[in-house]
Amino acid sequence: MAVAKVIELTATSEESFEDAVKQGIAKASETVRGIKGAWVKEQKVLVEDGRITGFRVDLKVTFVLD
């Protein structure tokens, strides 16, 4: 039997939503073992002077407990 836990995190990229997801998972993987998936809960853009300056994602990350 496996038991999983879900955590929420926010990641930002200057390039794209996809890059923000990749950076968020990579950073979480540094301290969380057993990541099995992630759900993009929300996407937002950061805007300055009418230009998009960043892409932000709120993620729900699922991992299996030891």
C-alpha atoms as a PDB file:
ATOM      1  CA  MET A   1       0.000   0.000   0.000  1.00  0.00           C
ATOM      2  CA  ALA A   2       1.234   3.496  -0.828  1.00  0.00           C
ATOM      3  CA  VAL A   3       0.296   6.735   0.886  1.00  0.00           C
ATOM      4  CA  ALA A   4       0.737  10.020  -0.968  1.00  0.00           C
ATOM      5  CA  LYS A   5       0.876  13.620   0.186  1.00  0.00           C
ATOM      6  CA  VAL A   6       0.095  16.793  -1.751  1.00  0.00           C
ATOM      7  CA  ILE A   7       1.909  20.098  -1.237  1.00  0.00           C
ATOM      8  CA  GLU A   8       1.320  23.450  -2.917  1.00  0.00           C
ATOM      9  CA  LEU A   9       4.049  25.658  -4.319  1.00  0.00           C
ATOM     10  CA  THR A  10       4.444  28.677  -6.564  1.00  0.00           C
ATOM     11  CA  ALA A  11       7.108  29.011  -9.242  1.00  0.00           C
ATOM     12  CA  THR A  12       7.980  31.890 -11.565  1.00  0.00           C
ATOM     13  CA  SER A  13       9.840  32.128 -14.871  1.00  0.00           C
ATOM     14  CA  GLU A  14      10.686  34.983 -17.187  1.00  0.00           C
ATOM     15  CA  GLU A  15      10.341  32.630 -20.196  1.00  0.00           C
ATOM     16  CA  SER A  16       7.069  30.659 -20.065  1.00  0.00           C
ATOM     17  CA  PHE A  17       4.506  28.786 -18.002  1.00  0.00           C
ATOM     18  CA  GLU A  18       6.166  25.509 -19.019  1.00  0.00           C
ATOM     19  CA  ASP A  19       9.538  26.734 -17.758  1.00  0.00           C
ATOM     20  CA  ALA A  20       7.954  27.835 -14.460  1.00  0.00           C
ATOM     21  CA  VAL A  21       6.542  24.309 -13.989  1.00  0.00           C
ATOM     22  CA  LYS A  22       9.916  22.728 -14.800  1.00  0.00           C
ATOM     23  CA  GLN A  23      11.741  25.036 -12.368  1.00  0.00           C
ATOM     24  CA  GLY A  24       9.184  24.416  -9.630  1.00  0.00           C
ATOM     25  CA  ILE A  25       9.444  20.633  -9.930  1.00  0.00           C
ATOM     26  CA  ALA A  26      13.248  20.764 -10.141  1.00  0.00           C
ATOM     27  CA  LYS A  27      13.482  22.886  -6.993  1.00  0.00           C
ATOM     28  CA  ALA A  28      10.987  20.728  -5.078  1.00  0.00           C
ATOM     29  CA  SER A  29      12.948  17.614  -6.094  1.00  0.00           C
ATOM     30  CA  GLU A  30      15.974  18.948  -4.209  1.00  0.00           C
ATOM     31  CA  THR A  31      14.234  18.306  -0.868  1.00  0.00           C
ATOM     32  CA  VAL A  32      11.191  16.124  -1.616  1.00  0.00           C
ATOM     33  CA  ARG A  33      11.657  12.482  -2.610  1.00  0.00           C
ATOM     34  CA  GLY A  34       9.188  10.378  -4.556  1.00  0.00           C
ATOM     35  CA  ILE A  35       7.435  13.081  -6.604  1.00  0.00           C
ATOM     36  CA  LYS A  36       4.916  11.306  -8.840  1.00  0.00           C
ATOM     37  CA  GLY A  37       3.025  14.170 -10.452  1.00  0.00           C
ATOM     38  CA  ALA A  38       1.852  17.753 -10.337  1.00  0.00           C
ATOM     39  CA  TRP A  39      -1.327  19.626 -11.146  1.00  0.00           C
ATOM     40  CA  VAL A  40      -1.210  23.222 -12.373  1.00  0.00           C
ATOM     41  CA  LYS A  41      -3.818  24.858 -10.173  1.00  0.00           C
ATOM     42  CA  GLU A  42      -3.473  28.380 -11.541  1.00  0.00           C
ATOM     43  CA  GLN A  43      -1.487  30.406 -14.074  1.00  0.00           C
ATOM     44  CA  LYS A  44      -0.776  34.125 -13.832  1.00  0.00           C
ATOM     45  CA  VAL A  45       1.317  36.633 -15.733  1.00  0.00           C
ATOM     46  CA  LEU A  46       3.298  39.464 -14.205  1.00  0.00           C
ATOM     47  CA  VAL A  47       2.922  42.761 -16.082  1.00  0.00           C
ATOM     48  CA  GLU A  48       4.980  45.952 -15.963  1.00  0.00           C
ATOM     49  CA  ASP A  49       4.381  48.942 -18.226  1.00  0.00           C
ATOM     50  CA  GLY A  50       1.998  46.919 -20.391  1.00  0.00           C
ATOM     51  CA  ARG A  51       4.519  44.121 -20.999  1.00  0.00           C
ATOM     52  CA  ILE A  52       4.555  40.581 -19.651  1.00  0.00           C
ATOM     53  CA  THR A  53       7.621  40.255 -17.445  1.00  0.00           C
ATOM     54  CA  GLY A  54       7.009  36.874 -15.858  1.00  0.00           C
ATOM     55  CA  PHE A  55       4.931  33.736 -15.788  1.00  0.00           C
ATOM     56  CA  ARG A  56       3.741  32.315 -12.456  1.00  0.00           C
ATOM     57  CA  VAL A  57       2.189  28.917 -11.744  1.00  0.00           C
ATOM     58  CA  ASP A  58       0.613  27.557  -8.590  1.00  0.00           C
ATOM     59  CA  LEU A  59       1.253  23.808  -8.426  1.00  0.00           C
ATOM     60  CA  LYS A  60      -0.085  20.937  -6.368  1.00  0.00           C
ATOM     61  CA  VAL A  61       2.733  18.389  -6.189  1.00  0.00           C
ATOM     62  CA  THR A  62       2.045  14.767  -5.234  1.00  0.00           C
ATOM     63  CA  PHE A  63       4.674  12.512  -3.694  1.00  0.00           C
ATOM     64  CA  VAL A  64       4.681   9.090  -2.063  1.00  0.00           C
ATOM     65  CA  LEU A  65       5.545   8.887   1.633  1.00  0.00           C
ATOM     66  CA  ASP A  66       8.272   6.489   2.764  1.00  0.00           C
END
